C-alpha atoms as a PDB file:
ATOM      1  CA  MET A   1      89.351  20.066  12.700  1.00  0.00           C
ATOM      2  CA  THR A   2      88.369  18.650   9.319  1.00  0.00           C
ATOM      3  CA  LYS A   3      84.953  16.953   9.070  1.00  0.00           C
ATOM      4  CA  VAL A   4      84.115  14.126   6.379  1.00  0.00           C
ATOM      5  CA  THR A   5      80.505  13.783   5.354  1.00  0.00           C
ATOM      6  CA  ALA A   6      78.737  11.253   3.212  1.00  0.00           C
ATOM      7  CA  TYR A   7      77.122  13.115   0.039  1.00  0.00           C
ATOM      8  CA  LEU A   8      74.405  11.081  -1.657  1.00  0.00           C
ATOM      9  CA  LEU A   9      73.099  11.740  -5.212  1.00  0.00           C
ATOM     10  CA  PHE A  10      69.821  10.664  -6.739  1.00  0.00           C
ATOM     11  CA  ASN A  11      68.366  10.570  -9.754  1.00  0.00           C
ATOM     12  CA  GLY A  12      64.879  12.535  -8.633  1.00  0.00           C
ATOM     13  CA  ASN A  13      64.228  11.267  -5.412  1.00  0.00           C
ATOM     14  CA  CYS A  14      66.826  12.878  -3.115  1.00  0.00           C
ATOM     15  CA  GLU A  15      63.416  14.747  -0.990  1.00  0.00           C
ATOM     16  CA  THR A  16      61.743  11.195  -0.720  1.00  0.00           C
ATOM     17  CA  ALA A  17      64.883   9.950   0.440  1.00  0.00           C
ATOM     18  CA  PHE A  18      66.113  11.943   2.745  1.00  0.00           C
ATOM     19  CA  ASN A  19      62.132  12.754   4.349  1.00  0.00           C
ATOM     20  CA  PHE A  20      62.896   8.845   5.006  1.00  0.00           C
ATOM     21  CA  TYR A  21      66.007   9.239   6.674  1.00  0.00           C
ATOM     22  CA  LYS A  22      64.207  12.144   8.634  1.00  0.00           C
ATOM     23  CA  ASP A  23      61.830   9.867  10.078  1.00  0.00           C
ATOM     24  CA  VAL A  24      64.000   7.065  11.017  1.00  0.00           C
ATOM     25  CA  PHE A  25      67.108   9.403  12.520  1.00  0.00           C
ATOM     26  CA  GLY A  26      64.871  12.813  13.069  1.00  0.00           C
ATOM     27  CA  GLY A  27      66.494  16.352  12.673  1.00  0.00           C
ATOM     28  CA  GLU A  28      65.986  19.101  10.244  1.00  0.00           C
ATOM     29  CA  LEU A  29      65.979  19.124   6.942  1.00  0.00           C
ATOM     30  CA  HIS A  30      67.172  22.364   4.873  1.00  0.00           C
ATOM     31  CA  ILE A  31      66.565  22.208   1.319  1.00  0.00           C
ATOM     32  CA  MET A  32      67.909  24.174  -2.021  1.00  0.00           C
ATOM     33  CA  ARG A  33      66.451  23.344  -5.467  1.00  0.00           C
ATOM     34  CA  TYR A  34      67.747  23.934  -8.813  1.00  0.00           C
ATOM     35  CA  LYS A  35      65.231  27.046  -9.525  1.00  0.00           C
ATOM     36  CA  ASP A  36      66.954  28.450  -6.632  1.00  0.00           C
ATOM     37  CA  MET A  37      70.233  28.764  -8.382  1.00  0.00           C
ATOM     38  CA  PRO A  38      71.762  31.732  -9.733  1.00  0.00           C
ATOM     39  CA  GLN A  39      70.967  32.239 -13.704  1.00  0.00           C
ATOM     40  CA  SER A  40      73.662  30.945 -15.752  1.00  0.00           C
ATOM     41  CA  ASP A  41      74.677  30.414 -19.351  1.00  0.00           C
ATOM     42  CA  GLN A  42      73.181  26.762 -19.130  1.00  0.00           C
ATOM     43  CA  PRO A  43      69.639  27.575 -18.472  1.00  0.00           C
ATOM     44  CA  VAL A  44      67.921  25.047 -15.645  1.00  0.00           C
ATOM     45  CA  PRO A  45      65.058  23.054 -17.862  1.00  0.00           C
ATOM     46  CA  ASP A  46      61.345  23.578 -16.104  1.00  0.00           C
ATOM     47  CA  SER A  47      61.308  20.108 -15.481  1.00  0.00           C
ATOM     48  CA  GLU A  48      64.641  20.589 -13.605  1.00  0.00           C
ATOM     49  CA  LYS A  49      63.793  23.682 -11.314  1.00  0.00           C
ATOM     50  CA  GLU A  50      61.835  21.350  -8.254  1.00  0.00           C
ATOM     51  CA  LYS A  51      64.425  19.275  -8.018  1.00  0.00           C
ATOM     52  CA  VAL A  52      67.123  19.083  -4.998  1.00  0.00           C
ATOM     53  CA  LEU A  53      70.253  20.960  -6.025  1.00  0.00           C
ATOM     54  CA  HIS A  54      71.545  20.276  -2.030  1.00  0.00           C
ATOM     55  CA  LEU A  55      70.059  19.552   1.185  1.00  0.00           C
ATOM     56  CA  ASN A  56      71.237  18.531   4.285  1.00  0.00           C
ATOM     57  CA  LEU A  57      69.901  16.519   7.347  1.00  0.00           C
ATOM     58  CA  ASP A  58      71.426  17.663  10.625  1.00  0.00           C
ATOM     59  CA  VAL A  59      70.434  15.548  13.263  1.00  0.00           C
ATOM     60  CA  LYS A  60      71.121  17.286  16.637  1.00  0.00           C
ATOM     61  CA  GLY A  61      74.593  18.198  15.652  1.00  0.00           C
ATOM     62  CA  GLU A  62      75.800  14.341  15.615  1.00  0.00           C
ATOM     63  CA  MET A  63      75.374  13.249  12.099  1.00  0.00           C
ATOM     64  CA  LEU A  64      75.292  15.225   8.593  1.00  0.00           C
ATOM     65  CA  LEU A  65      73.889  13.601   5.677  1.00  0.00           C
ATOM     66  CA  MET A  66      73.902  15.548   2.600  1.00  0.00           C
ATOM     67  CA  GLY A  67      72.731  15.013  -0.782  1.00  0.00           C
ATOM     68  CA  SER A  68      70.993  16.012  -4.405  1.00  0.00           C
ATOM     69  CA  ASP A  69      69.440  15.169  -7.440  1.00  0.00           C
ATOM     70  CA  CYS A  70      71.468  15.138 -10.489  1.00  0.00           C
ATOM     71  CA  SER A  71      70.114  17.232 -13.076  1.00  0.00           C
ATOM     72  CA  GLU A  72      69.954  16.243 -16.717  1.00  0.00           C
ATOM     73  CA  ALA A  73      71.009  19.725 -17.643  1.00  0.00           C
ATOM     74  CA  PHE A  74      73.979  19.511 -15.765  1.00  0.00           C
ATOM     75  CA  SER A  75      75.410  15.945 -15.243  1.00  0.00           C
ATOM     76  CA  PRO A  76      74.724  12.265 -16.475  1.00  0.00           C
ATOM     77  CA  PRO A  77      72.483  10.272 -14.524  1.00  0.00           C
ATOM     78  CA  VAL A  78      74.150   8.652 -11.300  1.00  0.00           C
ATOM     79  CA  LYS A  79      74.569   4.885 -11.280  1.00  0.00           C
ATOM     80  CA  PHE A  80      74.244   2.533  -8.234  1.00  0.00           C
ATOM     81  CA  GLY A  81      77.760   2.260  -6.701  1.00  0.00           C
ATOM     82  CA  ASP A  82      78.714   5.724  -7.953  1.00  0.00           C
ATOM     83  CA  ASN A  83      76.162   7.786  -6.490  1.00  0.00           C
ATOM     84  CA  ILE A  84      78.307   8.545  -2.829  1.00  0.00           C
ATOM     85  CA  ALA A  85      80.791  11.285  -2.526  1.00  0.00           C
ATOM     86  CA  LEU A  86      82.687  11.873   0.495  1.00  0.00           C
ATOM     87  CA  THR A  87      82.788  15.629   1.250  1.00  0.00           C
ATOM     88  CA  ILE A  88      85.610  17.465   3.486  1.00  0.00           C
ATOM     89  CA  SER A  89      85.108  20.283   5.170  1.00  0.00           C
ATOM     90  CA  PRO A  90      88.563  22.010   6.465  1.00  0.00           C
ATOM     91  CA  ASP A  91      88.981  24.648   9.089  1.00  0.00           C
ATOM     92  CA  SER A  92      90.630  27.001   6.745  1.00  0.00           C
ATOM     93  CA  GLU A  93      91.575  27.796   3.003  1.00  0.00           C
ATOM     94  CA  GLU A  94      95.169  26.629   2.828  1.00  0.00           C
ATOM     95  CA  GLU A  95      94.184  23.280   4.135  1.00  0.00           C
ATOM     96  CA  ALA A  96      91.211  23.033   1.760  1.00  0.00           C
ATOM     97  CA  ARG A  97      93.296  23.992  -1.134  1.00  0.00           C
ATOM     98  CA  ARG A  98      96.063  21.594   0.239  1.00  0.00           C
ATOM     99  CA  ILE A  99      93.590  18.655   0.388  1.00  0.00           C
ATOM    100  CA  PHE A 100      91.835  19.278  -2.831  1.00  0.00           C
ATOM    101  CA  ASN A 101      95.477  19.621  -4.788  1.00  0.00           C
ATOM    102  CA  GLU A 102      96.910  16.476  -3.102  1.00  0.00           C
ATOM    103  CA  LEU A 103      93.607  14.170  -3.088  1.00  0.00           C
ATOM    104  CA  SER A 104      93.098  15.010  -6.756  1.00  0.00           C
ATOM    105  CA  GLU A 105      96.427  14.451  -8.266  1.00  0.00           C
ATOM    106  CA  GLY A 106      96.440  12.016 -10.781  1.00  0.00           C
ATOM    107  CA  GLY A 107      92.580  11.671 -10.392  1.00  0.00           C
ATOM    108  CA  THR A 108      89.660  13.578 -12.496  1.00  0.00           C
ATOM    109  CA  ILE A 109      88.764  16.892 -11.739  1.00  0.00           C
ATOM    110  CA  GLN A 110      85.117  17.737 -12.406  1.00  0.00           C
ATOM    111  CA  MET A 111      84.921  20.988 -10.664  1.00  0.00           C
ATOM    112  CA  PRO A 112      87.849  23.198 -10.172  1.00  0.00           C
ATOM    113  CA  PHE A 113      88.623  24.972  -6.292  1.00  0.00           C
ATOM    114  CA  GLU A 114      87.303  27.964  -7.002  1.00  0.00           C
ATOM    115  CA  ILE A 115      84.637  30.083  -4.856  1.00  0.00           C
ATOM    116  CA  ALA A 116      81.091  29.043  -5.798  1.00  0.00           C
ATOM    117  CA  PHE A 117      77.927  30.900  -5.884  1.00  0.00           C
ATOM    118  CA  TRP A 118      77.340  30.027  -2.665  1.00  0.00           C
ATOM    119  CA  GLY A 119      80.285  32.067  -1.176  1.00  0.00           C
ATOM    120  CA  SER A 120      82.074  28.933   0.065  1.00  0.00           C
ATOM    121  CA  TRP A 121      85.793  27.282  -1.714  1.00  0.00           C
ATOM    122  CA  TYR A 122      84.355  24.286  -3.593  1.00  0.00           C
ATOM    123  CA  GLY A 123      86.121  21.717  -5.595  1.00  0.00           C
ATOM    124  CA  MET A 124      84.960  18.051  -6.872  1.00  0.00           C
ATOM    125  CA  PHE A 125      86.798  15.510  -8.252  1.00  0.00           C
ATOM    126  CA  THR A 126      87.269  11.631  -8.695  1.00  0.00           C
ATOM    127  CA  ASP A 127      90.846  10.880  -7.069  1.00  0.00           C
ATOM    128  CA  LYS A 128      92.889   8.039  -8.653  1.00  0.00           C
ATOM    129  CA  PHE A 129      91.542   5.079  -7.172  1.00  0.00           C
ATOM    130  CA  GLY A 130      87.943   6.035  -8.117  1.00  0.00           C
ATOM    131  CA  ILE A 131      86.565   7.465  -5.005  1.00  0.00           C
ATOM    132  CA  SER A 132      84.605  10.980  -5.236  1.00  0.00           C
ATOM    133  CA  TRP A 133      85.722  13.605  -3.190  1.00  0.00           C
ATOM    134  CA  MET A 134      84.041  16.896  -2.675  1.00  0.00           C
ATOM    135  CA  VAL A 135      86.041  19.768  -0.830  1.00  0.00           C
ATOM    136  CA  ASN A 136      84.274  22.715   0.961  1.00  0.00           C
ATOM    137  CA  TYR A 137      85.450  25.874   2.850  1.00  0.00           C
ATOM    138  CA  ASP A 138      82.809  28.172   4.171  1.00  0.00           C
ATOM    139  CA  ILE A 139      84.463  31.788   4.054  1.00  0.00           C
ATOM    140  CA  PRO A 140      83.660  33.100   7.585  1.00  0.00           C
ATOM    141  CA  LYS A 141      81.552  36.320   7.149  1.00  0.00           C
END
């Protein structure tokens, strides 16, 4: 079954916000920082290394919130109102590709649907109605 999850974007206070959400809802936080990212052509500035690249708050399998800090090295700061994306996690690569292609038609692709460094098929876009989406398919191991 395809799951849809809210993905929240922050300008440097993602960990603080999610610690607050954890106090409210409970659950487990899992954090990856920009310094944990593989080296690329675009190095992470020292001022950005401790920012949150990705985290999730898993509340007893009942709720999953995900988020990250926008890094000035990779994206512009977020503005209130465009700091939420819907993440879709389909059950198959084929379904993920279909959803990505159909939802992104007429929109703007920020990241093409391809295998990301964490080993999943992933793509990011804004649809023709201005809604931000992320499609992520975890390749079975």
